[in-house]
Protein backbone atom coordinates (compact mmCIF):
# COMPACT_ATOMS: atom_id res chain seq x y z
CA UNK A 1 102.54 103.58 109.52
CA UNK A 2 99.71 101.87 111.26
CA UNK A 3 97.72 104.96 111.10
CA UNK A 4 98.21 105.28 107.19
CA UNK A 5 97.33 101.65 106.78
CA UNK A 6 94.30 102.02 108.93
CA UNK A 7 93.13 105.47 107.27
CA UNK A 8 93.77 103.93 103.56
CA UNK A 9 91.72 100.48 104.75
CA UNK A 10 88.94 102.68 106.11
CA UNK A 11 89.07 105.16 102.92
CA UNK A 12 88.49 101.87 101.04
CA UNK A 13 85.20 100.95 102.73
CA UNK A 14 83.78 104.44 102.38
CA UNK A 15 84.92 104.67 98.65
CA UNK A 16 83.17 101.27 97.69
CA UNK A 17 80.07 102.66 99.16
CA UNK A 18 80.20 105.76 97.30
CA UNK A 19 81.19 103.99 94.32
CA UNK A 20 77.69 101.78 94.56
CA UNK A 21 75.93 105.46 94.96
CA UNK A 22 77.67 106.13 91.66
CA UNK A 23 76.66 103.08 89.68
CA UNK A 24 73.08 103.39 90.65
CA UNK A 25 72.63 106.76 90.13
CA UNK A 26 73.91 106.53 86.47
CA UNK A 27 71.82 103.40 85.81
CA UNK A 28 68.74 105.34 87.21
CA UNK A 29 69.37 108.30 84.92
CA UNK A 30 70.72 110.53 87.59
CA UNK A 31 73.63 112.72 86.67
CA UNK A 32 76.65 112.58 88.83
CA UNK A 33 78.19 115.91 88.68
CA UNK A 34 81.24 115.23 91.07
CA UNK A 35 82.92 111.76 92.02
CA UNK A 36 85.84 111.75 94.24
CA UNK A 37 88.37 109.45 95.55
CA UNK A 38 89.48 110.91 99.06
CA UNK A 39 88.31 114.20 100.54
CA UNK A 40 89.67 117.83 101.05
CA UNK A 41 91.90 120.01 98.73
CA UNK A 42 91.67 118.76 94.94
CA UNK A 43 95.06 117.36 93.55
CA UNK A 44 93.73 116.21 90.26
CA UNK A 45 90.59 116.65 88.46
CA UNK A 46 89.12 115.58 85.15
CA UNK A 47 85.76 115.99 83.37
CA UNK A 48 84.58 113.17 81.23
CA UNK A 49 80.79 113.75 79.85
CA UNK A 50 78.90 115.46 82.83
CA UNK A 51 81.08 114.09 85.65
CA UNK A 52 84.13 115.82 87.13
CA UNK A 53 86.48 112.71 88.50
CA UNK A 54 88.58 113.99 91.47
CA UNK A 55 91.38 112.66 93.25
CA UNK A 56 91.78 114.70 96.85
CA UNK A 57 94.24 115.00 99.30
CA UNK A 58 92.68 113.33 102.43
CA UNK A 59 92.38 109.39 101.82
CA UNK A 60 89.46 109.07 103.76
CA UNK A 61 86.92 107.51 101.36
CA UNK A 62 85.26 109.82 98.99
CA UNK A 63 81.80 111.24 97.68
CA UNK A 64 79.21 111.05 95.36
CA UNK A 65 77.78 114.53 94.30
CA UNK A 66 74.50 114.17 92.30
CA UNK A 67 72.64 116.61 90.44
CA UNK A 68 70.02 118.64 92.62
CA UNK A 69 71.05 116.32 95.85
CA UNK A 70 70.24 119.18 97.74
CA UNK A 71 67.48 120.66 95.91
CA UNK A 72 65.20 120.63 98.92
CA UNK A 73 67.48 123.15 100.74
CA UNK A 74 66.77 125.67 97.61
CA UNK A 75 62.97 125.38 98.00
CA UNK A 76 63.03 125.99 101.75
CA UNK A 77 65.06 129.25 101.20
CA UNK A 78 62.61 129.95 98.37
CA UNK A 79 59.61 129.04 100.15
CA UNK A 80 58.24 126.41 97.26
CA UNK A 81 55.50 124.46 97.92
CA UNK A 82 57.70 121.34 96.41
CA UNK A 83 61.30 120.43 95.92
CA UNK A 84 62.53 121.53 92.18
CA UNK A 85 62.27 118.07 90.17
CA UNK A 86 64.74 119.05 87.35
CA UNK A 87 65.38 116.17 84.46
CA UNK A 88 68.34 114.13 85.42
CA UNK A 89 68.60 115.29 89.23
CA UNK A 90 68.16 113.35 92.26
CA UNK A 91 64.68 114.58 93.20
CA UNK A 92 63.54 114.42 89.21
CA UNK A 93 63.73 110.63 89.59
CA UNK A 94 60.83 108.34 90.64
CA UNK A 95 60.80 107.35 94.32
CA UNK A 96 61.73 103.95 93.32
CA UNK A 97 64.91 104.85 91.54
CA UNK A 98 65.82 106.96 94.56
CA UNK A 99 65.13 104.06 96.92
CA UNK A 100 67.49 102.08 94.58
CA UNK A 101 70.29 104.66 94.68
CA UNK A 102 70.31 105.05 98.43
CA UNK A 103 70.69 101.18 98.99
CA UNK A 104 72.88 100.87 96.51
CA UNK A 105 75.75 102.30 98.85
CA UNK A 106 75.17 100.03 101.71
CA UNK A 107 74.71 96.80 99.36
CA UNK A 108 78.11 97.56 97.78
CA UNK A 109 79.41 97.17 101.22
CA UNK A 110 77.63 94.31 101.63
CA UNK A 111 79.12 92.70 98.59
CA UNK A 112 82.45 93.89 99.71
CA UNK A 113 81.97 91.94 103.03
CA UNK A 114 81.26 88.84 101.18
CA UNK A 115 84.45 89.51 98.89
CA UNK A 116 86.80 90.07 101.87
CA UNK A 117 85.24 87.06 103.80
CA UNK A 118 85.57 84.95 100.85
CA UNK A 119 89.50 85.72 100.37
CA UNK A 120 90.01 84.92 104.21
CA UNK A 121 88.26 81.48 103.53
CA UNK A 122 90.32 80.85 100.24
CA UNK A 123 93.75 81.75 102.11
CA UNK A 124 92.97 79.95 105.05
CA UNK A 125 93.87 81.19 108.83
CA UNK A 126 96.19 80.52 111.32
CA UNK A 127 96.58 81.88 114.91
CA UNK A 128 98.00 81.10 118.56
CA UNK A 129 95.71 80.47 121.27
CA UNK A 130 95.71 78.40 124.33
CA UNK A 131 94.18 74.86 125.47
CA UNK A 132 90.66 74.76 126.56
CA UNK A 133 91.24 73.93 130.03
CA UNK A 134 90.33 76.99 132.18
CA UNK A 135 90.73 78.75 135.86
CA UNK A 136 87.78 80.12 137.61
CA UNK A 137 88.68 83.92 137.85
CA UNK A 138 87.46 83.97 141.38
CA UNK A 139 90.51 82.00 142.64
CA UNK A 140 92.84 84.70 141.65
CA UNK A 141 90.81 87.95 141.73
CA UNK A 142 89.67 88.70 145.31
CA UNK A 143 87.32 91.67 144.00
CA UNK A 144 84.41 91.10 146.84
CA UNK A 145 82.15 90.98 143.51
CA UNK A 146 79.18 88.39 143.43
CA UNK A 147 80.35 84.81 141.92
CA UNK A 148 80.90 84.52 138.17
CA UNK A 149 78.88 82.52 136.00
CA UNK A 150 81.74 79.81 136.06
CA UNK A 151 81.34 79.65 139.61
CA UNK A 152 77.76 78.98 139.62
CA UNK A 153 78.05 76.50 137.41
CA UNK A 154 80.70 74.86 139.73
CA UNK A 155 83.73 74.95 137.35
CA UNK A 156 87.25 74.22 138.91
CA UNK A 157 90.78 74.90 138.00
CA UNK A 158 92.03 72.50 134.96
CA UNK A 159 88.28 71.86 134.01
CA UNK A 160 88.35 71.26 130.11
CA UNK A 161 85.56 72.92 128.44
CA UNK A 162 84.36 70.40 125.73
CA UNK A 163 80.91 72.25 124.30
CA UNK A 164 78.67 74.99 124.98
CA UNK A 165 75.10 75.19 123.55
CA UNK A 166 75.76 72.07 121.57
CA UNK A 167 78.94 73.77 119.63
CA UNK A 168 82.22 72.15 120.29
CA UNK A 169 84.86 74.18 122.24
CA UNK A 170 88.22 72.90 120.58
CA UNK A 171 90.55 75.70 122.35
CA UNK A 172 90.42 78.93 124.31
CA UNK A 173 89.53 81.33 121.53
CA UNK A 174 86.67 79.19 120.74
CA UNK A 175 85.40 79.80 124.09
CA UNK A 176 85.68 83.30 124.03
CA UNK A 177 84.23 83.82 120.68
CA UNK A 178 80.94 81.70 121.66
CA UNK A 179 80.59 83.25 125.32
CA UNK A 180 81.10 86.62 123.83
CA UNK A 181 78.52 86.37 121.35
CA UNK A 182 75.90 84.62 123.82
CA UNK A 183 75.51 87.46 127.02
CA UNK A 184 72.35 86.44 129.04
CA UNK A 185 71.68 83.37 127.39
CA UNK A 186 71.46 79.95 129.31
CA UNK A 187 73.70 77.83 127.48
CA UNK A 188 74.07 73.60 127.85
CA UNK A 189 77.76 72.62 129.41
CA UNK A 190 79.68 70.05 128.73
CA UNK A 191 83.19 69.91 130.57
CA UNK A 192 85.88 67.23 131.37
CA UNK A 193 87.14 66.94 134.82
CA UNK A 194 90.09 64.18 135.68
CA UNK A 195 89.17 62.38 132.41
CA UNK A 196 85.25 62.12 133.28
CA UNK A 197 82.89 64.05 131.47
CA UNK A 198 80.18 66.50 133.37
CA UNK A 199 77.22 68.06 132.04
CA UNK A 200 75.65 71.60 133.30
CA UNK A 201 74.41 75.09 132.39
CA UNK A 202 76.02 78.21 132.37
CA UNK A 203 74.74 81.68 131.67
CA UNK A 204 77.10 84.33 130.45
CA UNK A 205 77.16 87.65 131.99
CA UNK A 206 76.91 90.86 129.89
CA UNK A 207 80.15 92.98 130.11
CA UNK A 208 78.76 96.23 130.08
CA UNK A 209 82.05 97.76 128.92
CA UNK A 210 82.29 95.97 125.78
CA UNK A 211 78.90 94.40 125.30
CA UNK A 212 80.34 90.74 125.26
CA UNK A 213 79.46 87.80 127.51
CA UNK A 214 81.72 86.71 130.11
CA UNK A 215 81.84 83.61 132.40
CA UNK A 216 84.62 84.71 134.87
CA UNK A 217 87.61 82.34 133.65
CA UNK A 218 91.33 82.44 132.36
CA UNK A 219 92.91 80.03 130.29
CA UNK A 220 94.85 77.42 131.94
CA UNK A 221 98.67 77.89 130.81
CA UNK A 222 101.07 75.44 131.97
CA UNK A 223 104.56 76.51 132.55
CA UNK A 224 106.17 75.24 129.25
CA UNK A 225 108.52 77.78 127.75
CA UNK A 226 107.38 78.24 124.23
CA UNK A 227 110.35 80.73 123.39
CA UNK A 228 113.16 82.93 124.95
CA UNK A 229 113.71 86.29 123.40
CA UNK A 230 117.25 86.83 122.45
CA UNK A 231 119.30 89.31 125.11
CA UNK A 232 116.34 88.79 127.46
CA UNK A 233 117.19 87.56 131.47
CA UNK A 234 115.86 83.97 130.57
CA UNK A 235 118.47 83.76 127.83
CA UNK A 236 121.21 84.79 129.96
CA UNK A 237 119.93 82.68 133.01
CA UNK A 238 120.17 79.65 130.79
CA UNK A 239 116.67 78.75 129.98
CA UNK A 240 115.44 77.05 126.96
CA UNK A 241 112.54 76.71 124.79
CA UNK A 242 110.76 73.34 125.74
CA UNK A 243 111.62 73.67 129.36
CA UNK A 244 108.95 73.01 131.99
CA UNK A 245 109.07 75.40 135.47
CA UNK A 246 108.15 73.23 138.32
CA UNK A 247 108.57 75.94 141.01
CA UNK A 248 109.95 79.26 142.03
CA UNK A 249 112.08 79.58 145.18
CA UNK A 250 111.04 76.30 146.13
CA UNK A 251 107.36 76.81 145.93
CA UNK A 252 105.73 74.39 143.39
CA UNK A 253 103.70 76.24 140.29
CA UNK A 254 101.93 74.28 137.55
CA UNK A 255 100.48 77.31 135.57
CA UNK A 256 100.97 81.04 134.70
CA UNK A 257 98.56 82.49 137.46
CA UNK A 258 100.39 80.57 140.23
CA UNK A 259 103.52 81.73 138.84
CA UNK A 260 102.55 85.14 138.61
CA UNK A 261 101.08 85.30 142.29
CA UNK A 262 104.71 83.74 143.67
CA UNK A 263 106.10 87.07 142.06
CA UNK A 264 103.43 89.14 143.97
CA UNK A 265 106.10 90.78 145.95
CA UNK A 266 108.11 91.76 142.88
CA UNK A 267 111.34 90.09 143.71
CA UNK A 268 114.47 91.35 141.71
CA UNK A 269 115.59 87.82 141.42
CA UNK A 270 114.27 84.35 141.81
CA UNK A 271 115.66 80.55 141.71
CA UNK A 272 113.54 78.72 139.28
CA UNK A 273 113.51 74.82 139.18
CA UNK A 274 112.60 73.17 135.88
CA UNK A 275 112.53 69.86 134.03
CA UNK A 276 114.20 69.57 130.92
CA UNK A 277 113.68 66.43 129.05
CA UNK A 278 113.64 64.58 132.41
CA UNK A 279 116.46 66.40 133.85
CA UNK A 280 116.15 68.76 136.87
CA UNK A 281 117.75 71.95 136.75
CA UNK A 282 117.69 75.18 138.82
CA UNK A 283 118.62 78.78 137.51
CA UNK A 284 118.47 81.99 139.08
CA UNK A 285 116.07 84.70 136.68
CA UNK A 286 116.50 88.49 137.03
CA UNK A 287 112.91 89.92 136.69
CA UNK A 288 111.74 93.47 135.48
CA UNK A 289 108.53 95.17 136.25
CA UNK A 290 107.69 97.48 133.83
CA UNK A 291 104.86 100.12 133.94
CA UNK A 292 102.54 97.80 132.08
CA UNK A 293 102.63 95.67 135.16
CA UNK A 294 103.36 92.47 133.49
CA UNK A 295 106.51 90.47 134.32
CA UNK A 296 109.22 90.75 131.86
CA UNK A 297 111.16 88.16 132.13
CA UNK A 298 111.80 87.33 128.27
CA UNK A 299 109.61 84.03 128.32
CA UNK A 300 106.92 83.66 126.16
CA UNK A 301 104.90 80.31 127.39
CA UNK A 302 103.96 77.63 124.82
CA UNK A 303 100.67 78.08 122.69
CA UNK A 304 98.78 75.79 120.23
CA UNK A 305 98.43 76.80 116.52
CA UNK A 306 95.19 76.57 114.91
CA UNK A 307 95.26 76.22 111.10
CA UNK A 308 92.27 76.49 108.66
CA UNK A 309 93.19 75.16 105.19
CA UNK A 310 92.07 77.34 102.53
CA UNK A 311 89.31 76.42 100.13
CA UNK A 312 88.49 76.52 96.24
CA UNK A 313 86.75 79.19 94.61
CA UNK A 314 83.39 78.23 94.81
CA UNK A 315 84.03 76.94 98.42
CA UNK A 316 85.32 80.42 99.35
CA UNK A 317 82.46 82.06 98.11
CA UNK A 318 80.03 79.85 99.54
CA UNK A 319 81.77 80.38 102.98
CA UNK A 320 81.92 84.21 102.35
CA UNK A 321 78.27 84.33 101.93
CA UNK A 322 77.68 82.44 105.02
CA UNK A 323 80.06 84.44 107.32
CA UNK A 324 78.51 87.51 105.80
CA UNK A 325 75.39 86.26 107.21
CA UNK A 326 76.43 85.30 110.69
CA UNK A 327 78.01 88.59 111.01
CA UNK A 328 74.75 90.50 110.02
CA UNK A 329 73.04 88.31 112.65
CA UNK A 330 75.82 89.11 115.24
CA UNK A 331 75.84 92.87 114.38
CA UNK A 332 71.96 93.12 114.81
CA UNK A 333 72.19 91.48 118.36
CA UNK A 334 75.21 93.96 119.13
CA UNK A 335 73.15 96.93 118.35
CA UNK A 336 70.26 95.68 120.46
CA UNK A 337 72.83 95.02 123.63
CA UNK A 338 73.27 98.98 123.41
CA UNK A 339 69.88 99.27 124.81
CA UNK A 340 70.57 97.01 127.85
CA UNK A 341 72.80 99.48 129.91
CA UNK A 342 76.25 98.69 127.81
CA UNK A 343 78.90 101.65 128.40
CA UNK A 344 78.43 103.25 124.81
CA UNK A 345 81.69 105.26 125.21
CA UNK A 346 83.56 101.95 125.48
CA UNK A 347 81.45 99.80 123.62
CA UNK A 348 81.21 102.04 120.36
CA UNK A 349 84.26 102.84 118.35
CA UNK A 350 84.73 105.89 116.68
CA UNK A 351 87.16 106.70 113.56
CA UNK A 352 90.52 107.00 115.54
CA UNK A 353 90.07 103.61 117.45
CA UNK A 354 88.99 101.67 114.20
CA UNK A 355 91.83 103.19 112.26
CA UNK A 356 94.13 102.21 114.89
CA UNK A 357 92.84 98.86 115.31
CA UNK A 358 92.84 98.15 111.60
CA UNK A 359 96.80 99.25 111.32
CA UNK A 360 97.61 96.97 114.52
CA UNK A 361 96.00 93.97 112.69
CA UNK A 362 97.49 94.73 109.38
CA UNK A 363 100.91 94.23 111.28
CA UNK A 364 100.04 90.88 111.75
CA UNK A 365 97.93 89.48 109.09
CA UNK A 366 96.47 90.10 105.75
CA UNK A 367 93.65 88.05 106.45
CA UNK A 368 92.98 89.54 109.78
CA UNK A 369 92.45 92.95 108.28
CA UNK A 370 90.38 91.20 105.36
CA UNK A 371 88.12 89.99 108.14
CA UNK A 372 87.93 93.08 110.08
CA UNK A 373 87.09 95.12 106.82
CA UNK A 374 84.32 92.45 106.30
CA UNK A 375 83.01 93.03 109.70
CA UNK A 376 82.89 96.86 109.36
CA UNK A 377 81.26 96.92 106.16
CA UNK A 378 78.42 94.86 107.52
CA UNK A 379 78.17 97.45 110.37
CA UNK A 380 77.74 100.19 107.67
CA UNK A 381 75.50 98.09 105.79
CA UNK A 382 73.09 98.09 108.71
CA UNK A 383 73.78 101.45 110.41
CA UNK A 384 73.02 103.15 106.61
CA UNK A 385 69.92 101.18 106.18
CA UNK A 386 68.40 102.65 109.76
CA UNK A 387 65.23 104.97 108.76
CA UNK A 388 66.88 107.60 110.22
CA UNK A 389 67.06 111.15 107.91
CA UNK A 390 70.44 111.89 106.67
CA UNK A 391 71.23 108.32 106.19
CA UNK A 392 70.69 105.99 103.30
CA UNK A 393 67.81 104.78 105.17
CA UNK A 394 66.27 108.22 105.78
CA UNK A 395 65.95 108.31 101.78
CA UNK A 396 64.34 105.16 101.45
CA UNK A 397 62.11 105.84 104.31
CA UNK A 398 60.83 109.40 102.59
CA UNK A 399 60.71 107.41 99.17
CA UNK A 400 58.24 105.04 101.01
CA UNK A 401 56.33 107.49 102.25
CA UNK A 402 56.01 109.49 98.92
CA UNK A 403 54.77 106.09 97.27
CA UNK A 404 52.05 105.75 99.94
CA UNK A 405 50.91 109.23 99.96
CA UNK A 406 51.28 109.33 95.86
CA UNK A 407 52.68 112.77 96.36
CA UNK A 408 56.10 114.29 97.46
CA UNK A 409 56.81 115.80 100.99
CA UNK A 410 56.74 119.45 101.32
CA UNK A 411 60.39 120.96 102.01
CA UNK A 412 59.60 122.23 105.55
CA UNK A 413 58.68 118.85 106.25
CA UNK A 414 61.81 117.45 104.97
CA UNK A 415 63.66 119.99 106.93
CA UNK A 416 62.14 119.24 110.27
CA UNK A 417 62.66 115.60 110.05
CA UNK A 418 66.21 116.00 108.77
CA UNK A 419 66.94 118.31 111.91
CA UNK A 420 66.06 115.41 113.93
CA UNK A 421 68.26 113.22 111.92
CA UNK A 422 71.30 115.61 112.16
CA UNK A 423 70.89 115.81 116.06
CA UNK A 424 70.90 112.00 116.43
CA UNK A 425 74.08 111.53 114.15
CA UNK A 426 75.82 114.54 115.95
CA UNK A 427 74.98 112.84 119.42
CA UNK A 428 76.31 109.30 118.05
CA UNK A 429 79.26 111.16 116.89
CA UNK A 430 80.16 112.82 120.18
CA UNK A 431 79.98 109.57 121.93
CA UNK A 432 82.55 107.90 119.62
CA UNK A 433 84.78 110.91 119.57
CA UNK A 434 84.31 110.86 123.55
CA UNK A 435 85.38 107.26 123.50
CA UNK A 436 88.24 107.76 121.11
CA UNK A 437 89.45 110.79 123.49
CA UNK A 438 89.47 108.50 126.32
CA UNK A 439 91.04 105.52 124.19
CA UNK A 440 93.75 108.11 123.29
CA UNK A 441 94.54 109.29 126.81
CA UNK A 442 94.80 105.37 127.98
């Protein structure tokens, strides 16, 4: 079901792109010979006017076939000096109209991103996270590596990060998002320790696996039980939501990493001391250690819920445009990071990972799906407008050159340049496919 939902959502994004080309072609006087929803074997077809509309078997977007779209191939085979420019064909249209048709697909994706992110704003959001208190990872990860940015900034266990770069940090998700989008940038830092505010600077390191920034901290998770899974060992032991665990086998523990360290030897059962409404209690807790390595006790620690209320119609559109702009800037920065030694096979997601991610998010939140589709649409907008042959940006580039030279490019020139473009796209596809294979193996 996750895969099916992911495929349909990803197919919608591609369909929007092709529909943009379809509308622009019709407005610019170029005949659309076929327009298909989906790929592969045709399940249904109906001709209306000069266009055959199809529904195909594979729900992976669609395609828009225009008259004369591959005319340069015919010119190449017949060794013609120019690409045929029949009336109503793509190459029969002026360079300006061809540019409009090429840009229309990515622009449709951008409009869809605005719509999706406006929907998120209209509905509002709700998610679970932890407080903005932190624990330097170096206190619990003895890897022998160089000090983390958190260590260099002088942060200590229990510190509460108040702001970064002048932006308020209200919870751990705020911290992750801000740090993740500012790798290598020196940020002003305000944090609180024992009720006293301190200032400093911190420079997030670049995580070459993900392309995101990191400072080397974990959330400080107090040992307050948020919920107990029915039928679990914790329920059998008598532990309840709201209990605060204070010790394990007589050794005190205040936060989750301390609790985990006390279980490093993987005992089958432990004596847990806890506080329940001021009453001190002790229970025997049986533990399981599945292959994931995460302790299985049936306890979920207490989180904080962050709610953003929905907005009105005009406010939603305004927020949708603003969020699309932010995502556009962030995507440009992310593309630039690929040239700073980032592991492309990890940082670049192929269709399999994207499909699975959409499917997983769909199981938790429709607004999450809308937000993710908005991000994907912005990425498609930028990637398709890169001046690379085969992509829409390549058509724009050829049209600009034709306008500058005041004559069309020769078929042989188009062939060689497109060959380079195909090689680039194939290389990127292989990298994404390799990353997907590694993802599936993991």
